[in-house]
Amino acid sequence: MAQNSDSGSRTTRIQFKHFENRTALLFILPVLIPLVLFWLWPMTYSLYISFTDWDYMSPEYRFVGLSNYGHLLHNTDFLAALKNTMIFSIGTVVPTVVGGLMLALLLNRNLRGIGLFRTIFFSPWVTPTVAVSIVWAWLFEPKVGLVNYLLQIIHLPKLQWAQSAEWAMVEIIIFTVWKGVGWAMVFYLSALHKVPKELYEACDIDGGTDWQKFKNVTLPLISPTTFFLIVITTIDAIQAYDQIQIITQGGPAGSTRTLLYLYYQAAFERFNMGEATAVATVLVLITVLLGVIQFVASKRWVYYR
């Protein structure tokens, strides 16, 4: 009788476990189905296309193996785009994160009208990139733009900006940092508000200076926010497209052509979808690699309370 009772209890637990699993699956299906249809399947199919010579229009195409990837390794445009992507990412991530922190420290005070300044600095983030890109293209116009006018006031020479292979990337970086620094500031303001005041008071009792309080209290406690911002802004920099398309179209002479813009040109200007998806695959691998490196490195400097 005891064995029959144990067996019946085990069967009931197994049935309840199956019921829990089916219920959990039922709840995650609304999220799982779009994830598979609009993310996993397109990525898998894109990977397959990267091994073909499909021209985006013909119903027939050949399987060419790794030749698209081999062609990229000897393609000067790809290598130049890879270099431009690295320059653009470093040139935007570092100033955006550091600038956001400096603005947050400056505005993290109970001063009169401080809310207005916070709104002003954050407003570029909510403004459509295409619209403000057009405005910035006017500001950096070589002949009548406001930026060159200001340079002349302080006795500096006019620059060709978007018309120069030397300065076009600088213009794109300045615009991208201007647009993102207010967004980073908002996250840092939230992190600064969560730093316990008791730690600053303890540092005061020990005779700590403002720099020591910033270095030993503020920076470690806001390190999770810094890590989050570095990861997100890096991904955002790798995926930058709108401002490049509006201001320079990847030029002049490919000086602002990043990997994502190279993908666009290969796919929709040259209709070489095989090579384009190969570039996209490389872009995904770079993003994953950078993410893994950042997560591994974060164990050494990110402090979680």
Protein backbone atom coordinates (compact mmCIF):
# COMPACT_ATOMS: atom_id res chain seq x y z
CA MET A 1 0.00 0.00 0.00
CA ALA A 2 2.87 2.35 0.91
CA GLN A 3 4.57 1.66 -2.45
CA ASN A 4 1.34 2.36 -4.33
CA SER A 5 0.93 5.62 -2.38
CA ASP A 6 4.54 6.74 -3.19
CA SER A 7 4.09 5.80 -6.84
CA GLY A 8 0.84 7.76 -7.04
CA SER A 9 2.44 10.78 -5.37
CA ARG A 10 5.39 10.67 -7.83
CA THR A 11 3.00 10.48 -10.77
CA THR A 12 1.07 13.47 -9.44
CA ARG A 13 4.30 15.51 -9.08
CA ILE A 14 5.37 14.62 -12.62
CA GLN A 15 1.97 15.59 -13.99
CA PHE A 16 2.07 18.88 -12.06
CA LYS A 17 5.60 19.53 -13.37
CA HIS A 18 4.42 18.94 -16.96
CA PHE A 19 1.48 21.27 -16.32
CA GLU A 20 3.89 23.97 -15.06
CA ASN A 21 6.13 23.56 -18.12
CA ARG A 22 3.18 23.81 -20.52
CA THR A 23 1.89 26.88 -18.68
CA ALA A 24 5.31 28.55 -18.80
CA LEU A 25 5.60 27.77 -22.52
CA LEU A 26 2.14 29.24 -23.11
CA PHE A 27 3.19 32.51 -21.45
CA ILE A 28 6.49 32.89 -23.32
CA LEU A 29 5.07 31.99 -26.75
CA PRO A 30 3.88 35.60 -27.48
CA VAL A 31 7.50 36.71 -27.09
CA LEU A 32 9.18 33.60 -28.51
CA ILE A 33 7.27 33.54 -31.81
CA PRO A 34 8.21 37.11 -32.93
CA LEU A 35 11.77 36.47 -31.73
CA VAL A 36 12.07 33.43 -33.97
CA LEU A 37 10.22 34.94 -36.95
CA PHE A 38 11.79 38.41 -36.99
CA TRP A 39 15.25 37.81 -35.47
CA LEU A 40 16.53 34.22 -35.43
CA TRP A 41 15.15 33.21 -38.84
CA PRO A 42 16.31 36.38 -40.69
CA MET A 43 19.77 36.04 -39.14
CA THR A 44 20.01 32.40 -40.14
CA TYR A 45 18.80 33.13 -43.67
CA SER A 46 21.19 36.09 -43.94
CA LEU A 47 24.07 33.79 -42.97
CA TYR A 48 23.00 31.39 -45.72
CA ILE A 49 22.79 34.20 -48.31
CA SER A 50 26.37 35.23 -47.42
CA PHE A 51 27.51 31.92 -48.98
CA THR A 52 25.79 32.66 -52.31
CA ASP A 53 26.17 35.09 -55.23
CA TRP A 54 22.53 36.30 -55.09
CA ASP A 55 22.06 39.70 -56.78
CA TYR A 56 18.84 40.58 -54.91
CA MET A 57 16.65 40.26 -58.02
CA SER A 58 17.34 36.98 -59.83
CA PRO A 59 15.34 33.96 -58.67
CA GLU A 60 18.40 31.75 -59.19
CA TYR A 61 21.81 31.98 -57.57
CA ARG A 62 24.84 29.80 -56.89
CA PHE A 63 26.32 28.56 -53.64
CA VAL A 64 29.87 30.00 -53.59
CA GLY A 65 31.06 28.88 -50.18
CA LEU A 66 33.47 31.21 -48.37
CA SER A 67 34.43 33.22 -51.47
CA ASN A 68 32.48 36.31 -50.29
CA TYR A 69 34.41 36.30 -47.01
CA GLY A 70 37.69 35.67 -48.82
CA HIS A 71 36.95 38.60 -51.12
CA LEU A 72 36.39 40.87 -48.10
CA LEU A 73 39.87 40.11 -46.73
CA HIS A 74 41.41 41.51 -49.94
CA ASN A 75 38.88 44.30 -50.44
CA THR A 76 40.44 47.70 -49.68
CA ASP A 77 36.99 49.24 -49.22
CA PHE A 78 36.16 46.69 -46.51
CA LEU A 79 39.47 47.24 -44.69
CA ALA A 80 39.01 51.02 -44.89
CA ALA A 81 35.42 50.69 -43.61
CA LEU A 82 36.66 48.51 -40.73
CA LYS A 83 39.22 51.18 -39.82
CA ASN A 84 36.59 53.95 -40.08
CA THR A 85 34.23 51.95 -37.84
CA MET A 86 36.94 51.64 -35.17
CA ILE A 87 37.80 55.35 -35.36
CA PHE A 88 34.15 56.35 -35.22
CA SER A 89 33.39 53.99 -32.29
CA ILE A 90 36.33 55.17 -30.17
CA GLY A 91 35.74 58.79 -31.15
CA THR A 92 32.10 58.69 -30.05
CA VAL A 93 31.99 56.24 -27.11
CA VAL A 94 34.71 57.86 -24.99
CA PRO A 95 33.54 61.51 -25.31
CA THR A 96 29.88 60.52 -24.90
CA VAL A 97 30.45 58.59 -21.65
CA VAL A 98 32.98 61.05 -20.18
CA GLY A 99 30.94 64.08 -21.28
CA GLY A 100 27.76 62.57 -19.86
CA LEU A 101 29.46 62.04 -16.51
CA MET A 102 30.85 65.60 -16.44
CA LEU A 103 27.45 67.08 -17.27
CA ALA A 104 25.77 64.92 -14.61
CA LEU A 105 28.29 66.05 -11.96
CA LEU A 106 27.70 69.66 -13.01
CA LEU A 107 23.91 69.42 -12.98
CA ASN A 108 23.58 67.19 -9.91
CA ARG A 109 22.97 70.20 -7.71
CA ASN A 110 19.93 71.98 -6.32
CA LEU A 111 20.46 75.18 -8.25
CA ARG A 112 17.76 77.50 -9.59
CA GLY A 113 16.65 76.56 -13.10
CA ILE A 114 18.73 73.38 -13.12
CA GLY A 115 15.79 71.41 -14.53
CA LEU A 116 15.76 73.65 -17.62
CA PHE A 117 19.44 72.92 -18.31
CA ARG A 118 18.85 69.18 -17.90
CA THR A 119 16.03 69.37 -20.44
CA ILE A 120 18.16 71.36 -22.89
CA PHE A 121 21.05 68.90 -22.74
CA PHE A 122 18.74 65.89 -23.10
CA SER A 123 16.66 67.34 -25.95
CA PRO A 124 19.06 66.29 -28.78
CA TRP A 125 18.45 62.64 -27.92
CA VAL A 126 14.70 62.86 -28.54
CA THR A 127 15.10 64.87 -31.72
CA PRO A 128 14.93 62.82 -34.95
CA THR A 129 18.44 62.09 -36.24
CA VAL A 130 17.53 62.84 -39.86
CA ALA A 131 16.13 66.29 -39.01
CA VAL A 132 19.07 67.44 -36.88
CA SER A 133 21.55 65.93 -39.36
CA ILE A 134 20.23 68.36 -41.99
CA VAL A 135 20.60 71.25 -39.54
CA TRP A 136 24.18 70.23 -38.69
CA ALA A 137 25.01 69.93 -42.39
CA TRP A 138 24.04 73.60 -42.69
CA LEU A 139 26.03 74.57 -39.59
CA PHE A 140 29.17 72.92 -41.01
CA GLU A 141 28.69 74.28 -44.52
CA PRO A 142 32.21 75.44 -45.59
CA LYS A 143 31.28 78.83 -47.11
CA VAL A 144 28.38 80.21 -45.06
CA GLY A 145 28.14 77.80 -42.11
CA LEU A 146 28.02 79.05 -38.53
CA VAL A 147 30.93 76.85 -37.39
CA ASN A 148 33.41 78.34 -39.86
CA TYR A 149 32.10 81.83 -38.98
CA LEU A 150 32.92 81.18 -35.31
CA LEU A 151 36.35 79.81 -36.25
CA GLN A 152 37.10 83.02 -38.10
CA ILE A 153 36.10 85.10 -35.08
CA ILE A 154 38.84 83.40 -33.03
CA HIS A 155 41.29 83.77 -35.97
CA LEU A 156 41.27 80.12 -37.05
CA PRO A 157 41.11 79.07 -40.72
CA LYS A 158 37.92 77.86 -42.39
CA LEU A 159 37.61 74.07 -42.75
CA GLN A 160 35.97 72.10 -45.55
CA TRP A 161 34.31 69.68 -43.08
CA ALA A 162 32.03 67.26 -45.00
CA GLN A 163 33.78 68.13 -48.27
CA SER A 164 37.18 67.12 -46.90
CA ALA A 165 38.40 63.52 -46.42
CA GLU A 166 40.39 64.79 -43.44
CA TRP A 167 37.56 66.51 -41.53
CA ALA A 168 34.37 64.72 -42.60
CA MET A 169 34.69 62.00 -39.95
CA VAL A 170 35.37 64.68 -37.31
CA GLU A 171 32.08 66.38 -38.22
CA ILE A 172 30.18 63.08 -37.94
CA ILE A 173 31.79 62.34 -34.55
CA ILE A 174 31.01 65.83 -33.18
CA PHE A 175 27.38 65.48 -34.23
CA THR A 176 27.03 61.96 -32.73
CA VAL A 177 28.61 62.99 -29.41
CA TRP A 178 26.37 66.09 -29.24
CA LYS A 179 23.31 63.92 -29.75
CA GLY A 180 24.22 61.21 -27.22
CA VAL A 181 25.90 63.07 -24.37
CA GLY A 182 22.62 64.27 -22.85
CA TRP A 183 21.27 60.72 -22.91
CA ALA A 184 24.32 59.48 -20.98
CA MET A 185 23.88 62.40 -18.55
CA VAL A 186 20.38 61.22 -17.59
CA PHE A 187 21.65 57.75 -16.62
CA TYR A 188 24.52 59.23 -14.61
CA LEU A 189 22.16 61.62 -12.79
CA SER A 190 20.05 58.64 -11.71
CA ALA A 191 23.17 56.75 -10.58
CA LEU A 192 24.53 59.73 -8.64
CA HIS A 193 21.26 60.10 -6.72
CA LYS A 194 21.62 56.51 -5.49
CA VAL A 195 25.09 57.00 -3.97
CA PRO A 196 24.62 56.92 -0.15
CA LYS A 197 25.38 60.29 1.46
CA GLU A 198 26.78 58.47 4.52
CA LEU A 199 29.82 57.41 2.48
CA TYR A 200 30.64 61.04 1.63
CA GLU A 201 30.19 62.00 5.30
CA ALA A 202 32.54 59.19 6.36
CA CYS A 203 35.07 60.42 3.81
CA ASP A 204 34.73 63.98 5.23
CA ILE A 205 35.44 62.68 8.72
CA ASP A 206 38.60 61.00 7.42
CA GLY A 207 39.67 64.30 5.84
CA GLY A 208 39.15 63.17 2.26
CA THR A 209 39.38 65.72 -0.55
CA ASP A 210 36.76 66.15 -3.31
CA TRP A 211 38.97 64.18 -5.72
CA GLN A 212 39.35 61.32 -3.20
CA LYS A 213 35.56 61.23 -2.69
CA PHE A 214 35.05 61.12 -6.46
CA LYS A 215 37.71 58.46 -7.01
CA ASN A 216 36.96 56.20 -4.02
CA VAL A 217 33.19 56.63 -3.61
CA THR A 218 31.50 58.03 -6.69
CA LEU A 219 33.33 56.21 -9.48
CA PRO A 220 33.05 52.67 -7.96
CA LEU A 221 29.36 53.10 -7.11
CA ILE A 222 28.39 54.38 -10.55
CA SER A 223 30.56 51.79 -12.35
CA PRO A 224 27.53 49.60 -13.34
CA THR A 225 26.06 52.64 -15.11
CA THR A 226 29.39 53.33 -16.82
CA PHE A 227 29.56 49.71 -17.98
CA PHE A 228 26.00 49.84 -19.31
CA LEU A 229 26.67 53.08 -21.20
CA ILE A 230 29.90 51.76 -22.74
CA VAL A 231 28.16 48.63 -24.02
CA ILE A 232 25.12 50.46 -25.42
CA THR A 233 27.05 53.36 -26.99
CA THR A 234 29.51 50.91 -28.57
CA ILE A 235 26.67 48.97 -30.19
CA ASP A 236 25.03 52.25 -31.21
CA ALA A 237 28.29 53.47 -32.79
CA ILE A 238 28.75 50.26 -34.76
CA GLN A 239 25.17 50.58 -36.06
CA ALA A 240 25.38 54.30 -36.94
CA TYR A 241 23.88 55.04 -40.33
CA ASP A 242 21.40 57.96 -40.42
CA GLN A 243 23.84 60.81 -39.83
CA ILE A 244 26.35 59.35 -42.31
CA GLN A 245 23.71 58.99 -44.99
CA ILE A 246 22.40 62.55 -44.53
CA ILE A 247 25.69 64.44 -44.04
CA THR A 248 28.35 62.67 -46.15
CA GLN A 249 26.86 59.56 -47.87
CA GLY A 250 30.02 57.72 -46.84
CA GLY A 251 32.34 60.19 -48.59
CA PRO A 252 34.37 62.00 -49.56
CA ALA A 253 36.51 59.19 -51.01
CA GLY A 254 35.01 56.72 -48.52
CA SER A 255 36.46 58.57 -45.51
CA THR A 256 33.20 58.18 -43.53
CA ARG A 257 32.15 54.80 -44.92
CA THR A 258 31.63 52.45 -41.96
CA LEU A 259 30.87 48.73 -42.13
CA LEU A 260 27.12 49.28 -41.90
CA TYR A 261 27.24 51.86 -44.69
CA LEU A 262 29.37 49.48 -46.76
CA TYR A 263 26.67 46.86 -46.24
CA TYR A 264 24.03 49.32 -47.52
CA GLN A 265 26.08 50.18 -50.61
CA ALA A 266 26.85 46.53 -51.43
CA ALA A 267 23.23 45.47 -50.99
CA PHE A 268 21.19 48.33 -52.44
CA GLU A 269 23.59 50.19 -54.75
CA ARG A 270 25.64 47.32 -56.24
CA PHE A 271 22.98 44.62 -55.62
CA ASN A 272 25.62 42.19 -54.38
CA MET A 273 23.58 40.64 -51.60
CA GLY A 274 26.04 37.80 -50.97
CA GLU A 275 28.90 40.19 -50.18
CA ALA A 276 26.56 42.51 -48.26
CA THR A 277 25.34 39.77 -45.93
CA ALA A 278 28.96 38.66 -45.46
CA VAL A 279 29.71 42.20 -44.23
CA ALA A 280 26.66 42.02 -41.98
CA THR A 281 27.85 38.70 -40.53
CA VAL A 282 31.29 40.18 -39.81
CA LEU A 283 29.56 43.16 -38.17
CA VAL A 284 27.56 40.83 -35.91
CA LEU A 285 30.70 38.88 -34.97
CA ILE A 286 32.55 42.10 -34.10
CA THR A 287 29.62 43.23 -31.95
CA VAL A 288 29.51 39.90 -30.11
CA LEU A 289 33.30 39.88 -29.63
CA LEU A 290 33.30 43.42 -28.22
CA GLY A 291 30.42 42.51 -25.92
CA VAL A 292 32.26 39.45 -24.58
CA ILE A 293 35.47 41.47 -24.04
CA GLN A 294 33.56 44.18 -22.20
CA PHE A 295 31.75 41.69 -19.98
CA VAL A 296 34.99 39.87 -19.11
CA ALA A 297 36.84 43.14 -18.43
CA SER A 298 33.93 44.45 -16.35
CA LYS A 299 34.64 41.86 -13.64
CA ARG A 300 37.79 43.80 -12.76
CA TRP A 301 36.31 47.28 -12.43
CA VAL A 302 32.50 47.13 -12.10
CA TYR A 303 31.28 47.17 -8.49
CA TYR A 304 27.82 45.75 -7.76
CA ARG A 305 26.37 46.44 -4.33
